[in-house]
């Protein structure tokens, strides 16, 4: 057995006490960052949704969005600068009336945060691959959609010379379609569609796994093969600065068009988007 004399024990005890005091002092000094919210910003999103039924089980699906955000000088003007041009495509396979899977690519152009700053590129391309599970429930005439979406993103900052980084994003959204003038969703129905979506993102350079939460309330109307819907969305999430959170007020206006190549009109209840 190793023997330790009294002088050695005294020295070890001194070192242990000194180390403990140092660590405790660092813990006391390293207080968590103060959680603070930035002043809200504003945006305007306009979207076209298209769903084409190619066979009993297969659909073509796409979304095209034109998005603007407030100007640098005015946080409340909604349309002062370009934000994104967003194009999502995919093939849908319908397993049954309650479950479908979609797979496809996405191309996003992200525009400069400051058009007058030459250190930013005017726009950068962000390609993605995405796949989605969509489950549909019916409850007393109300349609409830559960969307599980997975995105594999190759994105870069608009700064000149910035590198692309790879991240994975995981999204869950719940949407309810509530008919207002009819007992269920069908042609010529006014409806209310509240939804909530939460985003998580992982990657080598991600600070927070939580990326954003979106609360959206839309009102709409179905007319033959068209669906018109729009409303207000509020988002909340962390920034790249620890403890600093951003929030946005977004006005969304959208049109959806469905077409059935089987020479039968697709029932509107089968073509509801998870808005």
Protein backbone atom coordinates (compact mmCIF):
# COMPACT_ATOMS: atom_id res chain seq x y z
CA UNK A 1 0.00 0.00 0.00
CA UNK A 2 1.19 3.50 -0.88
CA UNK A 3 1.98 5.55 2.26
CA UNK A 4 1.53 9.34 2.33
CA UNK A 5 3.34 11.38 4.98
CA UNK A 6 1.73 14.30 6.81
CA UNK A 7 3.47 16.99 4.73
CA UNK A 8 2.18 15.44 1.52
CA UNK A 9 -1.32 15.17 2.95
CA UNK A 10 -1.22 18.84 3.94
CA UNK A 11 -0.07 19.85 0.45
CA UNK A 12 -2.78 17.74 -1.24
CA UNK A 13 -5.44 19.21 1.05
CA UNK A 14 -4.27 22.76 0.23
CA UNK A 15 -4.37 22.05 -3.51
CA UNK A 16 -7.83 20.49 -3.23
CA UNK A 17 -9.24 23.45 -1.28
CA UNK A 18 -7.67 25.96 -3.69
CA UNK A 19 -9.07 24.12 -6.72
CA UNK A 20 -12.53 23.92 -5.17
CA UNK A 21 -12.56 27.64 -4.39
CA UNK A 22 -11.44 28.45 -7.96
CA UNK A 23 -14.12 26.27 -9.56
CA UNK A 24 -16.80 27.65 -7.24
CA UNK A 25 -15.69 31.17 -8.04
CA UNK A 26 -15.96 30.50 -11.79
CA UNK A 27 -19.43 29.03 -11.37
CA UNK A 28 -20.49 32.10 -9.42
CA UNK A 29 -19.06 34.43 -12.08
CA UNK A 30 -20.43 32.58 -15.13
CA UNK A 31 -24.06 33.53 -14.70
CA UNK A 32 -26.47 32.47 -17.45
CA UNK A 33 -27.15 35.15 -20.07
CA UNK A 34 -30.11 37.38 -19.41
CA UNK A 35 -33.04 36.29 -21.58
CA UNK A 36 -34.14 39.31 -23.60
CA UNK A 37 -36.51 39.74 -26.52
CA UNK A 38 -35.83 41.98 -29.49
CA UNK A 39 -38.45 44.40 -30.78
CA UNK A 40 -40.79 42.57 -33.18
CA UNK A 41 -40.22 42.69 -36.93
CA UNK A 42 -42.80 42.34 -39.71
CA UNK A 43 -43.05 40.33 -42.93
CA UNK A 44 -45.46 39.55 -45.76
CA UNK A 45 -45.67 36.04 -47.27
CA UNK A 46 -47.63 35.25 -50.43
CA UNK A 47 -47.96 31.64 -51.53
CA UNK A 48 -49.31 29.41 -54.29
CA UNK A 49 -50.02 25.76 -53.43
CA UNK A 50 -50.58 23.23 -56.22
CA UNK A 51 -51.69 19.61 -55.87
CA UNK A 52 -52.16 17.39 -58.95
CA UNK A 53 -53.61 13.90 -58.61
CA UNK A 54 -51.78 11.67 -61.09
CA UNK A 55 -53.31 8.33 -60.04
CA UNK A 56 -55.30 6.81 -57.18
CA UNK A 57 -52.21 6.84 -54.95
CA UNK A 58 -49.76 9.39 -56.41
CA UNK A 59 -49.90 13.21 -56.35
CA UNK A 60 -47.56 15.96 -57.51
CA UNK A 61 -47.25 18.71 -54.87
CA UNK A 62 -45.57 22.10 -54.94
CA UNK A 63 -45.44 25.42 -53.10
CA UNK A 64 -44.13 28.72 -54.49
CA UNK A 65 -43.71 31.62 -52.07
CA UNK A 66 -42.78 35.26 -52.48
CA UNK A 67 -41.71 36.73 -49.14
CA UNK A 68 -40.83 40.27 -48.10
CA UNK A 69 -39.83 41.77 -44.77
CA UNK A 70 -39.67 45.18 -43.16
CA UNK A 71 -37.12 47.76 -44.26
CA UNK A 72 -33.94 48.39 -42.26
CA UNK A 73 -35.25 51.73 -40.95
CA UNK A 74 -38.85 50.69 -40.22
CA UNK A 75 -39.70 47.46 -38.39
CA UNK A 76 -43.44 47.76 -39.05
CA UNK A 77 -43.76 48.29 -42.81
CA UNK A 78 -43.98 44.53 -43.70
CA UNK A 79 -42.71 44.87 -47.31
CA UNK A 80 -39.61 47.10 -47.24
CA UNK A 81 -37.07 44.48 -48.41
CA UNK A 82 -36.99 41.17 -50.24
CA UNK A 83 -36.72 38.21 -47.88
CA UNK A 84 -37.04 34.90 -49.77
CA UNK A 85 -38.22 33.21 -52.93
CA UNK A 86 -39.21 29.76 -51.78
CA UNK A 87 -39.98 26.76 -54.00
CA UNK A 88 -40.89 23.35 -52.61
CA UNK A 89 -41.67 20.29 -54.77
CA UNK A 90 -42.51 16.67 -54.06
CA UNK A 91 -44.26 13.45 -54.97
CA UNK A 92 -46.99 12.33 -52.57
CA UNK A 93 -47.94 8.71 -51.98
CA UNK A 94 -51.36 8.20 -50.44
CA UNK A 95 -51.45 5.09 -48.26
CA UNK A 96 -55.06 5.73 -47.22
CA UNK A 97 -57.39 8.65 -46.49
CA UNK A 98 -55.65 9.24 -43.16
CA UNK A 99 -51.95 8.93 -44.05
CA UNK A 100 -49.69 10.17 -46.85
CA UNK A 101 -45.92 10.56 -47.36
CA UNK A 102 -44.16 13.22 -49.45
CA UNK A 103 -40.54 13.34 -50.68
CA UNK A 104 -38.81 15.98 -52.78
CA UNK A 105 -36.39 18.94 -53.14
CA UNK A 106 -36.65 22.58 -52.05
CA UNK A 107 -34.87 25.60 -53.53
CA UNK A 108 -34.76 28.80 -51.48
CA UNK A 109 -33.19 32.13 -52.43
CA UNK A 110 -32.31 34.14 -49.31
CA UNK A 111 -31.89 37.86 -49.94
CA UNK A 112 -29.47 40.29 -48.32
CA UNK A 113 -30.40 41.72 -44.89
CA UNK A 114 -29.07 45.13 -45.97
CA UNK A 115 -29.28 46.08 -49.68
CA UNK A 116 -26.91 49.05 -49.15
CA UNK A 117 -24.11 47.02 -47.53
CA UNK A 118 -21.59 45.69 -50.12
CA UNK A 119 -20.31 43.07 -47.66
CA UNK A 120 -23.52 41.08 -48.30
CA UNK A 121 -24.38 39.18 -51.48
CA UNK A 122 -27.72 40.18 -52.95
CA UNK A 123 -29.00 36.57 -52.69
CA UNK A 124 -27.78 33.07 -51.89
CA UNK A 125 -29.22 29.70 -52.87
CA UNK A 126 -30.23 27.26 -50.12
CA UNK A 127 -31.00 23.77 -51.48
CA UNK A 128 -32.80 21.26 -49.29
CA UNK A 129 -34.15 17.73 -49.36
CA UNK A 130 -37.36 17.10 -47.45
CA UNK A 131 -39.75 14.33 -46.55
CA UNK A 132 -43.00 14.46 -44.66
CA UNK A 133 -45.63 12.36 -42.97
CA UNK A 134 -49.17 13.78 -42.87
CA UNK A 135 -51.89 12.23 -40.73
CA UNK A 136 -55.52 13.36 -41.03
CA UNK A 137 -58.26 12.98 -38.41
CA UNK A 138 -61.98 13.82 -38.50
CA UNK A 139 -63.84 14.96 -35.43
CA UNK A 140 -67.44 16.23 -35.63
CA UNK A 141 -66.86 17.81 -39.05
CA UNK A 142 -63.49 19.29 -38.07
CA UNK A 143 -60.39 18.13 -39.93
CA UNK A 144 -57.22 17.86 -37.82
CA UNK A 145 -53.86 17.46 -39.58
CA UNK A 146 -50.64 16.28 -37.93
CA UNK A 147 -47.58 17.13 -40.03
CA UNK A 148 -44.12 15.67 -39.33
CA UNK A 149 -41.58 17.28 -41.68
CA UNK A 150 -37.84 16.57 -41.94
CA UNK A 151 -35.48 18.88 -43.85
CA UNK A 152 -31.82 18.43 -44.76
CA UNK A 153 -30.46 21.92 -45.45
CA UNK A 154 -27.34 23.26 -47.15
CA UNK A 155 -27.29 26.92 -46.20
CA UNK A 156 -24.89 29.84 -45.98
CA UNK A 157 -24.88 33.38 -44.67
CA UNK A 158 -25.23 36.26 -47.14
CA UNK A 159 -21.82 37.61 -46.13
CA UNK A 160 -19.33 37.56 -49.02
CA UNK A 161 -17.09 34.49 -48.68
CA UNK A 162 -19.29 32.65 -46.16
CA UNK A 163 -19.21 28.85 -46.34
CA UNK A 164 -22.10 26.46 -46.70
CA UNK A 165 -23.04 24.48 -43.60
CA UNK A 166 -25.26 21.40 -43.29
CA UNK A 167 -28.09 21.13 -40.76
CA UNK A 168 -31.07 18.87 -40.13
CA UNK A 169 -34.40 20.43 -39.20
CA UNK A 170 -37.35 18.63 -37.57
CA UNK A 171 -40.83 20.16 -37.61
CA UNK A 172 -44.17 19.22 -36.08
CA UNK A 173 -47.36 21.10 -36.92
CA UNK A 174 -50.95 20.60 -35.86
CA UNK A 175 -53.67 22.28 -37.94
CA UNK A 176 -57.45 22.28 -37.49
CA UNK A 177 -59.91 23.06 -40.30
CA UNK A 178 -63.13 24.29 -38.70
CA UNK A 179 -66.06 24.80 -41.13
CA UNK A 180 -68.15 27.87 -40.33
CA UNK A 181 -71.13 27.75 -42.69
CA UNK A 182 -71.42 23.99 -43.31
CA UNK A 183 -71.27 20.87 -41.15
CA UNK A 184 -68.01 19.69 -42.80
CA UNK A 185 -65.28 20.83 -45.19
CA UNK A 186 -66.63 20.78 -48.75
CA UNK A 187 -67.15 23.11 -51.71
CA UNK A 188 -68.15 26.72 -50.90
CA UNK A 189 -67.16 26.44 -47.25
CA UNK A 190 -65.93 29.30 -45.10
CA UNK A 191 -63.49 27.98 -42.54
CA UNK A 192 -61.15 28.89 -39.70
CA UNK A 193 -57.74 27.18 -39.57
CA UNK A 194 -55.60 27.71 -36.46
CA UNK A 195 -52.20 25.96 -36.36
CA UNK A 196 -49.07 25.72 -34.27
CA UNK A 197 -45.67 24.52 -35.50
CA UNK A 198 -42.46 23.94 -33.57
CA UNK A 199 -39.01 23.70 -35.22
CA UNK A 200 -35.88 21.94 -33.98
CA UNK A 201 -32.52 22.07 -35.76
CA UNK A 202 -29.27 20.18 -35.27
CA UNK A 203 -25.87 20.73 -36.85
CA UNK A 204 -22.21 21.37 -36.14
CA UNK A 205 -22.63 25.12 -35.65
CA UNK A 206 -26.07 25.21 -34.03
CA UNK A 207 -26.24 26.95 -30.64
CA UNK A 208 -29.86 26.03 -29.81
CA UNK A 209 -31.77 22.92 -30.79
CA UNK A 210 -35.00 24.98 -30.68
CA UNK A 211 -35.16 27.10 -33.83
CA UNK A 212 -38.64 28.63 -33.80
CA UNK A 213 -42.28 28.32 -32.85
CA UNK A 214 -45.01 29.55 -35.21
CA UNK A 215 -48.61 30.31 -34.27
CA UNK A 216 -50.84 30.94 -37.30
CA UNK A 217 -54.56 31.65 -37.56
CA UNK A 218 -56.03 31.62 -41.07
CA UNK A 219 -59.50 32.20 -42.45
CA UNK A 220 -60.46 30.86 -45.84
CA UNK A 221 -62.98 29.81 -48.44
CA UNK A 222 -63.20 26.81 -50.79
CA UNK A 223 -64.55 27.31 -54.30
CA UNK A 224 -64.52 24.41 -56.76
CA UNK A 225 -60.84 23.51 -57.26
CA UNK A 226 -59.57 26.59 -55.41
CA UNK A 227 -58.93 27.32 -51.78
CA UNK A 228 -58.23 30.88 -50.64
CA UNK A 229 -56.82 31.41 -47.16
CA UNK A 230 -54.81 33.96 -45.23
CA UNK A 231 -54.21 35.44 -41.83
CA UNK A 232 -51.69 36.44 -39.18
CA UNK A 233 -48.70 34.40 -37.98
CA UNK A 234 -46.53 35.13 -34.94
CA UNK A 235 -43.11 33.49 -34.61
CA UNK A 236 -40.70 33.29 -31.69
CA UNK A 237 -37.19 31.82 -31.43
CA UNK A 238 -33.54 32.30 -30.43
CA UNK A 239 -30.92 34.29 -32.34
CA UNK A 240 -27.19 33.62 -32.74
CA UNK A 241 -26.61 35.71 -29.59
CA UNK A 242 -27.16 33.64 -26.40
CA UNK A 243 -30.18 34.81 -24.43
CA UNK A 244 -31.48 37.08 -27.22
CA UNK A 245 -34.82 36.08 -28.78
CA UNK A 246 -36.58 37.43 -31.85
CA UNK A 247 -40.26 37.53 -32.78
CA UNK A 248 -42.06 38.37 -36.01
CA UNK A 249 -45.56 39.36 -37.09
CA UNK A 250 -46.28 37.96 -40.56
CA UNK A 251 -49.27 38.51 -42.84
CA UNK A 252 -49.86 35.46 -45.04
CA UNK A 253 -52.05 35.35 -48.18
CA UNK A 254 -52.35 32.09 -50.13
CA UNK A 255 -54.16 30.27 -52.93
CA UNK A 256 -54.33 26.51 -53.42
CA UNK A 257 -55.36 24.83 -56.66
CA UNK A 258 -56.13 21.11 -57.04
CA UNK A 259 -56.50 19.18 -60.27
CA UNK A 260 -57.38 15.53 -60.77
CA UNK A 261 -55.99 13.90 -63.93
CA UNK A 262 -58.26 10.89 -63.43
CA UNK A 263 -61.09 13.07 -64.85
CA UNK A 264 -62.65 13.24 -61.41
CA UNK A 265 -62.66 16.29 -59.21
CA UNK A 266 -60.51 15.74 -56.13
CA UNK A 267 -62.67 16.19 -53.02
CA UNK A 268 -61.55 19.26 -51.15
CA UNK A 269 -61.28 17.27 -47.92
CA UNK A 270 -58.56 15.12 -49.51
CA UNK A 271 -56.50 18.12 -50.62
CA UNK A 272 -56.25 20.19 -47.45
CA UNK A 273 -52.76 21.62 -46.99
CA UNK A 274 -51.14 21.71 -43.56
CA UNK A 275 -51.00 25.50 -43.73
